Amino acid sequence: MAFDFSKMTVDLSAMPTTIDMGHAWLGGLVLVLLVLYIAKKGKPVEVEKVVEKEVEVEKIVEVEKPVEKIVEVEKIVEKIVEVEPKLKTATPDAALQLLSLLQQEARFIDFMQEDLKGFADAEIGAAARVIHEGGQKVLNEYFSFAPVRSEDEETRITLPQGFNASEVRLTGNVIGEAPFTGTLIHRGWKVTDVKLPKLADGHDASIIAAAEVEL
């Protein structure tokens, strides 16, 4: 069924001729909503997201910069520590105690402090025998030794990369980097155990040998 627009009539006398307060507020509200819609429509969502991402990246960069500086400082400190190894402070008591034992058993200090120019070789040899026997007794009683290298002396050996430089000392024509091949001149010695006697409280370890007074 078709609608006949020719029969439609509009009564213009029914339309309001004046704008009251309600219509004014309604019109203003529509205008504000229209302005907000246009402003929102003119700002793409993608731009907002890009701005937010840029702000987040700036915050991350600001946080990471101090961390990078801290890491760089730590690396520099590690390099300094590698170049300058820590030095241990050795207490002299153990060394003084060993000297005391050598003096007691082998008269070691007496021999080393003696001027040997006035003695014949036979006399020096006889004194050396006493020192050797007494010194050997001290070493065997208070220390345990083992060779650094297990190979026989005068044999050819190869030192690989990363070998312990504190255990092997290179001599002769040292050129380039490991591996090195050479002749074992001396096997070296290392201490595997120390059994020095304990010192009593108040003992003066600097007195290697007490003075002797015969009455």
Protein backbone atom coordinates (compact mmCIF):
# COMPACT_ATOMS: atom_id res chain seq x y z
CA MET A 1 0.00 0.00 0.00
CA ALA A 2 1.56 3.27 -1.09
CA PHE A 3 1.51 6.39 1.03
CA ASP A 4 0.04 9.49 -0.55
CA PHE A 5 2.18 12.49 0.35
CA SER A 6 -0.21 14.86 -1.44
CA LYS A 7 -2.82 14.35 1.21
CA MET A 8 -0.35 15.23 4.04
CA THR A 9 -0.90 18.67 5.51
CA VAL A 10 1.24 20.61 7.98
CA ASP A 11 -0.36 22.98 10.44
CA LEU A 12 2.21 25.80 10.78
CA SER A 13 0.15 27.40 13.52
CA ALA A 14 1.02 24.47 15.84
CA MET A 15 4.85 25.22 15.71
CA PRO A 16 6.20 27.33 18.62
CA THR A 17 6.84 30.92 17.71
CA THR A 18 9.07 31.65 20.74
CA ILE A 19 12.09 29.81 22.36
CA ASP A 20 11.55 29.18 26.06
CA MET A 21 14.32 28.33 28.62
CA GLY A 22 13.97 24.52 28.19
CA HIS A 23 14.52 24.68 24.47
CA ALA A 24 17.52 26.96 24.99
CA TRP A 25 19.23 24.47 27.36
CA LEU A 26 18.47 21.61 25.02
CA GLY A 27 19.97 23.43 22.07
CA GLY A 28 23.08 24.34 24.03
CA LEU A 29 23.58 20.73 25.13
CA VAL A 30 23.29 19.53 21.54
CA LEU A 31 25.85 22.13 20.47
CA VAL A 32 28.36 21.06 23.16
CA LEU A 33 27.97 17.39 22.25
CA LEU A 34 28.48 18.26 18.60
CA VAL A 35 31.72 20.17 19.39
CA LEU A 36 33.05 17.28 21.50
CA TYR A 37 32.22 14.78 18.76
CA ILE A 38 34.00 16.85 16.12
CA ALA A 39 37.08 17.28 18.37
CA LYS A 40 37.19 13.56 19.13
CA LYS A 41 36.75 12.69 15.48
CA GLY A 42 39.56 14.98 14.43
CA LYS A 43 42.18 13.22 16.65
CA PRO A 44 43.01 9.73 15.32
CA VAL A 45 43.34 6.95 17.84
CA GLU A 46 46.59 5.85 16.23
CA VAL A 47 48.22 9.20 17.05
CA GLU A 48 47.24 8.85 20.71
CA LYS A 49 48.77 5.39 20.84
CA VAL A 50 52.02 6.62 19.22
CA VAL A 51 52.28 9.46 21.75
CA GLU A 52 51.71 7.02 24.62
CA LYS A 53 54.40 4.67 23.25
CA GLU A 54 56.88 7.56 22.90
CA VAL A 55 56.28 8.51 26.54
CA GLU A 56 56.82 4.89 27.63
CA VAL A 57 60.06 4.63 25.60
CA GLU A 58 61.36 7.87 27.15
CA LYS A 59 60.64 6.50 30.63
CA ILE A 60 62.43 3.22 29.81
CA VAL A 61 65.48 5.09 28.44
CA GLU A 62 65.61 7.25 31.56
CA VAL A 63 65.60 4.12 33.73
CA GLU A 64 68.14 2.17 31.62
CA LYS A 65 70.77 4.91 31.37
CA PRO A 66 71.83 4.77 35.08
CA VAL A 67 71.81 0.95 34.93
CA GLU A 68 74.18 0.98 31.94
CA LYS A 69 76.54 3.34 33.78
CA ILE A 70 76.54 1.06 36.85
CA VAL A 71 77.38 -1.97 34.69
CA GLU A 72 80.24 -0.07 33.00
CA VAL A 73 81.68 0.95 36.39
CA GLU A 74 81.49 -2.66 37.63
CA LYS A 75 83.37 -3.88 34.54
CA ILE A 76 86.10 -1.27 35.10
CA VAL A 77 86.44 -2.32 38.76
CA GLU A 78 86.71 -5.97 37.72
CA LYS A 79 89.50 -5.13 35.27
CA ILE A 80 91.38 -3.19 37.96
CA VAL A 81 91.07 -6.13 40.35
CA GLU A 82 92.40 -8.47 37.65
CA VAL A 83 95.39 -6.20 36.96
CA GLU A 84 96.10 -5.55 40.64
CA PRO A 85 95.59 -8.80 42.58
CA LYS A 86 94.89 -8.59 46.26
CA LEU A 87 97.99 -8.98 48.43
CA LYS A 88 97.76 -11.01 51.61
CA THR A 89 99.49 -9.80 54.74
CA ALA A 90 101.61 -12.66 56.07
CA THR A 91 102.14 -12.97 59.82
CA PRO A 92 105.82 -13.53 60.70
CA ASP A 93 105.19 -15.97 63.57
CA ALA A 94 105.31 -19.12 61.41
CA ALA A 95 108.53 -18.03 59.65
CA LEU A 96 110.16 -17.11 62.96
CA GLN A 97 109.12 -20.46 64.40
CA LEU A 98 110.75 -22.30 61.49
CA LEU A 99 113.96 -20.35 61.94
CA SER A 100 113.91 -21.26 65.62
CA LEU A 101 113.55 -24.97 64.80
CA LEU A 102 116.40 -24.81 62.26
CA GLN A 103 118.62 -23.07 64.78
CA GLN A 104 117.73 -25.60 67.46
CA GLU A 105 118.37 -28.71 65.34
CA ALA A 106 120.95 -27.53 62.81
CA ARG A 107 122.56 -24.37 64.24
CA PHE A 108 121.41 -22.75 61.00
CA ILE A 109 121.58 -19.09 62.13
CA ASP A 110 125.02 -19.61 63.67
CA PHE A 111 126.32 -21.00 60.38
CA MET A 112 124.78 -18.31 58.19
CA GLN A 113 126.05 -15.49 60.42
CA GLU A 114 129.60 -16.90 60.55
CA ASP A 115 132.38 -15.42 58.39
CA LEU A 116 133.77 -18.46 56.56
CA LYS A 117 136.79 -16.76 55.03
CA GLY A 118 139.09 -17.98 57.80
CA PHE A 119 137.99 -21.64 57.63
CA ALA A 120 139.30 -24.41 55.42
CA ASP A 121 137.03 -26.23 53.00
CA ALA A 122 137.21 -29.37 55.14
CA GLU A 123 135.96 -27.47 58.20
CA ILE A 124 133.14 -25.90 56.21
CA GLY A 125 132.20 -29.31 54.81
CA ALA A 126 132.05 -30.81 58.30
CA ALA A 127 129.79 -27.97 59.50
CA ALA A 128 127.59 -28.31 56.40
CA ARG A 129 127.03 -32.00 57.21
CA VAL A 130 125.69 -31.10 60.66
CA ILE A 131 123.44 -28.39 59.18
CA HIS A 132 122.19 -30.79 56.51
CA GLU A 133 121.27 -33.51 58.99
CA GLY A 134 119.56 -31.12 61.41
CA GLY A 135 117.73 -29.21 58.65
CA GLN A 136 116.53 -32.42 57.04
CA LYS A 137 115.16 -33.57 60.39
CA VAL A 138 113.14 -30.34 60.78
CA LEU A 139 111.75 -30.47 57.24
CA ASN A 140 110.74 -34.13 57.44
CA GLU A 141 109.14 -33.71 60.86
CA TYR A 142 107.07 -30.58 60.21
CA PHE A 143 106.52 -30.47 56.43
CA SER A 144 105.33 -32.76 53.64
CA PHE A 145 106.65 -32.15 50.12
CA ALA A 146 105.73 -33.27 46.61
CA PRO A 147 107.17 -32.39 43.20
CA VAL A 148 105.23 -29.87 41.11
CA ARG A 149 105.74 -31.88 37.92
CA SER A 150 105.58 -35.67 37.81
CA GLU A 151 107.76 -36.05 34.68
CA ASP A 152 111.44 -36.96 34.91
CA GLU A 153 113.92 -34.14 34.65
CA GLU A 154 115.62 -33.58 31.27
CA THR A 155 112.50 -34.80 29.43
CA ARG A 156 110.51 -32.79 26.87
CA ILE A 157 107.11 -31.56 28.02
CA THR A 158 104.37 -29.36 26.53
CA LEU A 159 102.61 -26.66 28.52
CA PRO A 160 99.07 -26.04 27.21
CA GLN A 161 97.20 -22.76 27.13
CA GLY A 162 96.05 -21.68 30.58
CA PHE A 163 98.86 -23.47 32.44
CA ASN A 164 99.49 -22.36 36.01
CA ALA A 165 102.25 -19.76 35.79
CA SER A 166 102.82 -19.94 39.57
CA GLU A 167 103.76 -23.63 39.25
CA VAL A 168 105.98 -23.39 36.15
CA ARG A 169 108.59 -20.71 35.46
CA LEU A 170 109.64 -20.33 31.84
CA THR A 171 113.31 -19.68 31.10
CA GLY A 172 115.34 -19.28 27.92
CA ASN A 173 113.91 -17.87 24.70
CA VAL A 174 110.27 -17.20 25.60
CA ILE A 175 108.41 -16.00 22.48
CA GLY A 176 104.73 -16.04 21.61
CA GLU A 177 101.93 -17.71 23.52
CA ALA A 178 101.17 -21.18 24.86
CA PRO A 179 101.32 -24.02 24.11
CA PHE A 180 105.07 -24.15 24.89
CA THR A 181 107.35 -27.16 24.43
CA GLY A 182 110.62 -27.34 26.34
CA THR A 183 112.91 -29.39 28.56
CA LEU A 184 112.04 -29.92 32.23
CA ILE A 185 115.14 -28.72 34.11
CA HIS A 186 113.72 -28.99 37.64
CA ARG A 187 110.47 -30.63 38.78
CA GLY A 188 109.87 -28.02 41.49
CA TRP A 189 108.58 -28.53 45.03
CA LYS A 190 105.30 -27.76 46.74
CA VAL A 191 104.26 -28.16 50.37
CA THR A 192 101.29 -30.49 50.83
CA ASP A 193 101.09 -30.34 54.64
CA VAL A 194 102.45 -28.21 57.50
CA LYS A 195 102.60 -29.47 61.09
CA LEU A 196 104.35 -26.70 62.99
CA PRO A 197 103.82 -26.87 66.77
CA LYS A 198 101.38 -24.43 68.33
CA LEU A 199 102.74 -21.37 70.08
CA ALA A 200 101.84 -20.71 73.70
CA ASP A 201 100.11 -17.44 74.56
CA GLY A 202 102.63 -14.73 75.34
CA HIS A 203 105.47 -16.52 73.54
CA ASP A 204 107.87 -14.09 71.82
CA ALA A 205 108.46 -15.68 68.40
CA SER A 206 111.12 -13.09 67.54
CA ILE A 207 113.55 -14.82 69.95
CA ILE A 208 115.01 -17.39 67.57
CA ALA A 209 117.51 -18.70 70.11
CA ALA A 210 117.75 -17.65 73.74
CA ALA A 211 121.11 -16.51 75.04
CA GLU A 212 122.96 -19.21 77.01
CA VAL A 213 124.62 -18.49 80.35
CA GLU A 214 126.69 -21.20 82.00
CA LEU A 215 126.86 -21.11 85.78
